[in-house]
Amino acid sequence: MDAMIPQAASEPRILLVFIGAVLVFGGIIFTALKGNWGGQFKSRSRTDSASGLRPRANWPGLAMLVGGIGCLLAAAAV
């Protein structure tokens, strides 16, 4: 069974880099989408159009970014 898995794919460093890259990319996309569509179209007045840019509204995207950066730093330290 080990002969079927390439050596590079079974290393934990590659897995950490892949997970970190997916989390960073997903966090950026989530934060951008939340900022663009989260507060602007849901509010009736234009005075609260920046409500999607608050950290309280973006905490899942920011958590994904922090987790991805942590995975990338862990892969660099291994």
N, C-alpha and C. Protein backbone atom coordinates (compact mmCIF):
# COMPACT_ATOMS: atom_id res chain seq x y z
N MET A 1 0.82 -1.18 0.00
CA MET A 1 0.00 0.00 0.00
C MET A 1 0.86 1.25 0.00
N ASP A 2 2.01 1.23 0.68
CA ASP A 2 2.89 2.37 0.70
C ASP A 2 3.55 2.62 -0.64
N ALA A 3 3.63 1.62 -1.48
CA ALA A 3 4.25 1.79 -2.79
C ALA A 3 3.38 2.64 -3.71
N MET A 4 2.08 2.70 -3.43
CA MET A 4 1.18 3.47 -4.28
C MET A 4 1.18 4.96 -3.95
N ILE A 5 1.57 5.33 -2.71
CA ILE A 5 1.58 6.74 -2.30
C ILE A 5 2.98 7.30 -2.58
N PRO A 6 3.07 8.39 -3.34
CA PRO A 6 4.38 8.99 -3.57
C PRO A 6 5.01 9.48 -2.28
N GLN A 7 6.32 9.51 -2.24
CA GLN A 7 7.05 9.89 -1.04
C GLN A 7 6.72 11.32 -0.61
N ALA A 8 6.64 12.25 -1.56
CA ALA A 8 6.42 13.66 -1.21
C ALA A 8 5.01 13.89 -0.66
N ALA A 9 4.03 13.14 -1.12
CA ALA A 9 2.66 13.35 -0.68
C ALA A 9 2.43 12.82 0.73
N SER A 10 3.27 11.91 1.19
CA SER A 10 3.08 11.33 2.51
C SER A 10 3.80 12.12 3.60
N GLU A 11 4.57 13.13 3.24
CA GLU A 11 5.27 13.92 4.24
C GLU A 11 4.31 14.87 4.93
N PRO A 12 4.44 15.04 6.22
CA PRO A 12 3.53 15.95 6.93
C PRO A 12 3.74 17.41 6.53
N ARG A 13 4.92 17.77 6.07
CA ARG A 13 5.19 19.14 5.68
C ARG A 13 4.33 19.54 4.48
N ILE A 14 4.20 18.65 3.51
CA ILE A 14 3.39 18.95 2.32
C ILE A 14 1.93 19.09 2.72
N LEU A 15 1.47 18.24 3.62
CA LEU A 15 0.09 18.33 4.08
C LEU A 15 -0.17 19.64 4.82
N LEU A 16 0.78 20.06 5.66
CA LEU A 16 0.62 21.33 6.37
C LEU A 16 0.62 22.51 5.41
N VAL A 17 1.46 22.47 4.38
CA VAL A 17 1.49 23.55 3.40
C VAL A 17 0.18 23.60 2.64
N PHE A 18 -0.34 22.45 2.25
CA PHE A 18 -1.60 22.40 1.51
C PHE A 18 -2.76 22.92 2.36
N ILE A 19 -2.85 22.46 3.61
CA ILE A 19 -3.92 22.91 4.50
C ILE A 19 -3.77 24.40 4.77
N GLY A 20 -2.54 24.86 5.00
CA GLY A 20 -2.32 26.28 5.24
C GLY A 20 -2.69 27.14 4.06
N ALA A 21 -2.35 26.70 2.85
CA ALA A 21 -2.69 27.47 1.65
C ALA A 21 -4.19 27.53 1.45
N VAL A 22 -4.88 26.42 1.69
CA VAL A 22 -6.34 26.40 1.54
C VAL A 22 -7.00 27.31 2.57
N LEU A 23 -6.50 27.29 3.81
CA LEU A 23 -7.08 28.14 4.85
C LEU A 23 -6.83 29.62 4.58
N VAL A 24 -5.62 29.96 4.13
CA VAL A 24 -5.33 31.37 3.83
C VAL A 24 -6.18 31.84 2.66
N PHE A 25 -6.24 31.07 1.60
CA PHE A 25 -7.04 31.44 0.43
C PHE A 25 -8.52 31.54 0.80
N GLY A 26 -9.02 30.56 1.54
CA GLY A 26 -10.41 30.59 1.97
C GLY A 26 -10.72 31.76 2.88
N GLY A 27 -9.80 32.10 3.77
CA GLY A 27 -9.99 33.23 4.66
C GLY A 27 -10.04 34.55 3.92
N ILE A 28 -9.19 34.69 2.92
CA ILE A 28 -9.19 35.91 2.11
C ILE A 28 -10.50 36.02 1.33
N ILE A 29 -10.92 34.93 0.71
CA ILE A 29 -12.17 34.93 -0.06
C ILE A 29 -13.36 35.20 0.85
N PHE A 30 -13.41 34.54 2.01
CA PHE A 30 -14.53 34.74 2.93
C PHE A 30 -14.59 36.18 3.41
N THR A 31 -13.44 36.74 3.78
CA THR A 31 -13.41 38.11 4.27
C THR A 31 -13.80 39.10 3.17
N ALA A 32 -13.34 38.86 1.96
CA ALA A 32 -13.68 39.76 0.86
C ALA A 32 -15.17 39.68 0.53
N LEU A 33 -15.72 38.49 0.49
CA LEU A 33 -17.15 38.35 0.20
C LEU A 33 -18.01 38.93 1.31
N LYS A 34 -17.60 38.73 2.54
CA LYS A 34 -18.35 39.28 3.67
C LYS A 34 -18.30 40.79 3.65
N GLY A 35 -17.17 41.36 3.31
CA GLY A 35 -17.05 42.81 3.25
C GLY A 35 -17.82 43.41 2.10
N ASN A 36 -17.86 42.74 0.98
CA ASN A 36 -18.56 43.26 -0.19
C ASN A 36 -20.06 43.11 -0.09
N TRP A 37 -20.53 41.95 0.36
CA TRP A 37 -21.96 41.68 0.35
C TRP A 37 -22.58 41.55 1.73
N GLY A 38 -21.77 41.53 2.77
CA GLY A 38 -22.33 41.32 4.10
C GLY A 38 -23.13 42.49 4.63
N GLY A 39 -22.62 43.69 4.51
CA GLY A 39 -23.31 44.82 5.10
C GLY A 39 -23.91 45.77 4.09
N GLN A 40 -23.43 45.79 2.90
CA GLN A 40 -23.84 46.81 1.94
C GLN A 40 -25.28 46.63 1.48
N PHE A 41 -25.67 45.44 1.13
CA PHE A 41 -27.00 45.22 0.56
C PHE A 41 -28.05 44.85 1.59
N LYS A 42 -27.63 44.43 2.78
CA LYS A 42 -28.60 44.05 3.79
C LYS A 42 -29.15 45.26 4.53
N SER A 43 -28.39 46.33 4.62
CA SER A 43 -28.89 47.50 5.33
C SER A 43 -29.72 48.36 4.40
N ARG A 44 -30.74 48.98 4.95
CA ARG A 44 -31.62 49.81 4.14
C ARG A 44 -31.01 51.18 3.88
N SER A 45 -30.25 51.68 4.83
CA SER A 45 -29.63 53.00 4.65
C SER A 45 -28.18 52.84 4.22
N ARG A 46 -27.68 53.81 3.53
CA ARG A 46 -26.29 53.77 3.07
C ARG A 46 -25.32 54.21 4.16
N THR A 47 -25.83 54.65 5.32
CA THR A 47 -24.93 55.10 6.38
C THR A 47 -24.20 53.95 7.03
N ASP A 48 -24.77 52.77 6.98
CA ASP A 48 -24.15 51.60 7.61
C ASP A 48 -23.60 50.64 6.56
N SER A 49 -23.08 51.19 5.47
CA SER A 49 -22.62 50.34 4.37
C SER A 49 -21.31 49.64 4.68
N ALA A 50 -20.58 50.07 5.70
CA ALA A 50 -19.30 49.45 6.05
C ALA A 50 -19.45 48.44 7.18
N SER A 51 -20.66 47.99 7.47
CA SER A 51 -20.85 47.07 8.59
C SER A 51 -20.25 45.70 8.32
N GLY A 52 -20.04 45.33 7.07
CA GLY A 52 -19.41 44.06 6.76
C GLY A 52 -17.91 44.05 6.92
N LEU A 53 -17.33 45.21 7.21
CA LEU A 53 -15.88 45.30 7.35
C LEU A 53 -15.42 45.26 8.81
N ARG A 54 -16.32 45.17 9.74
CA ARG A 54 -15.96 45.13 11.15
C ARG A 54 -15.35 43.77 11.49
N PRO A 55 -14.37 43.75 12.42
CA PRO A 55 -13.77 42.46 12.81
C PRO A 55 -14.79 41.49 13.41
N ARG A 56 -15.81 42.00 14.07
CA ARG A 56 -16.82 41.11 14.65
C ARG A 56 -17.58 40.36 13.56
N ALA A 57 -17.77 40.99 12.42
CA ALA A 57 -18.47 40.35 11.32
C ALA A 57 -17.54 39.41 10.54
N ASN A 58 -16.24 39.64 10.63
CA ASN A 58 -15.27 38.88 9.84
C ASN A 58 -14.47 37.87 10.65
N TRP A 59 -14.88 37.55 11.86
CA TRP A 59 -14.05 36.68 12.67
C TRP A 59 -13.83 35.29 12.07
N PRO A 60 -14.76 34.67 11.36
CA PRO A 60 -14.45 33.36 10.77
C PRO A 60 -13.34 33.45 9.72
N GLY A 61 -13.39 34.48 8.88
CA GLY A 61 -12.35 34.64 7.87
C GLY A 61 -11.00 34.95 8.49
N LEU A 62 -11.00 35.78 9.53
CA LEU A 62 -9.75 36.09 10.21
C LEU A 62 -9.18 34.87 10.94
N ALA A 63 -10.07 34.05 11.50
CA ALA A 63 -9.62 32.82 12.16
C ALA A 63 -9.02 31.84 11.14
N MET A 64 -9.62 31.78 9.95
CA MET A 64 -9.06 30.93 8.90
C MET A 64 -7.69 31.43 8.47
N LEU A 65 -7.53 32.75 8.37
CA LEU A 65 -6.23 33.31 8.02
C LEU A 65 -5.18 32.98 9.08
N VAL A 66 -5.52 33.16 10.34
CA VAL A 66 -4.58 32.88 11.42
C VAL A 66 -4.23 31.39 11.44
N GLY A 67 -5.21 30.53 11.27
CA GLY A 67 -4.94 29.09 11.23
C GLY A 67 -4.07 28.69 10.05
N GLY A 68 -4.32 29.30 8.89
CA GLY A 68 -3.50 29.00 7.71
C GLY A 68 -2.07 29.48 7.87
N ILE A 69 -1.90 30.67 8.44
CA ILE A 69 -0.55 31.18 8.67
C ILE A 69 0.16 30.31 9.70
N GLY A 70 -0.58 29.85 10.71
CA GLY A 70 0.01 28.93 11.69
C GLY A 70 0.46 27.63 11.07
N CYS A 71 -0.34 27.08 10.16
CA CYS A 71 0.04 25.84 9.47
C CYS A 71 1.28 26.06 8.60
N LEU A 72 1.33 27.19 7.91
CA LEU A 72 2.49 27.47 7.06
C LEU A 72 3.76 27.67 7.89
N LEU A 73 3.63 28.33 9.04
CA LEU A 73 4.79 28.50 9.91
C LEU A 73 5.23 27.17 10.52
N ALA A 74 4.25 26.31 10.86
CA ALA A 74 4.59 24.99 11.38
C ALA A 74 5.29 24.15 10.33
N ALA A 75 4.87 24.28 9.07
CA ALA A 75 5.52 23.52 8.00
C ALA A 75 6.94 24.03 7.78
N ALA A 76 7.16 25.33 7.96
CA ALA A 76 8.51 25.87 7.80
C ALA A 76 9.43 25.44 8.95
N ALA A 77 8.84 25.21 10.13
CA ALA A 77 9.64 24.83 11.29
C ALA A 77 9.97 23.34 11.31
N VAL A 78 9.21 22.52 10.58
CA VAL A 78 9.45 21.06 10.59
C VAL A 78 10.68 20.72 9.82
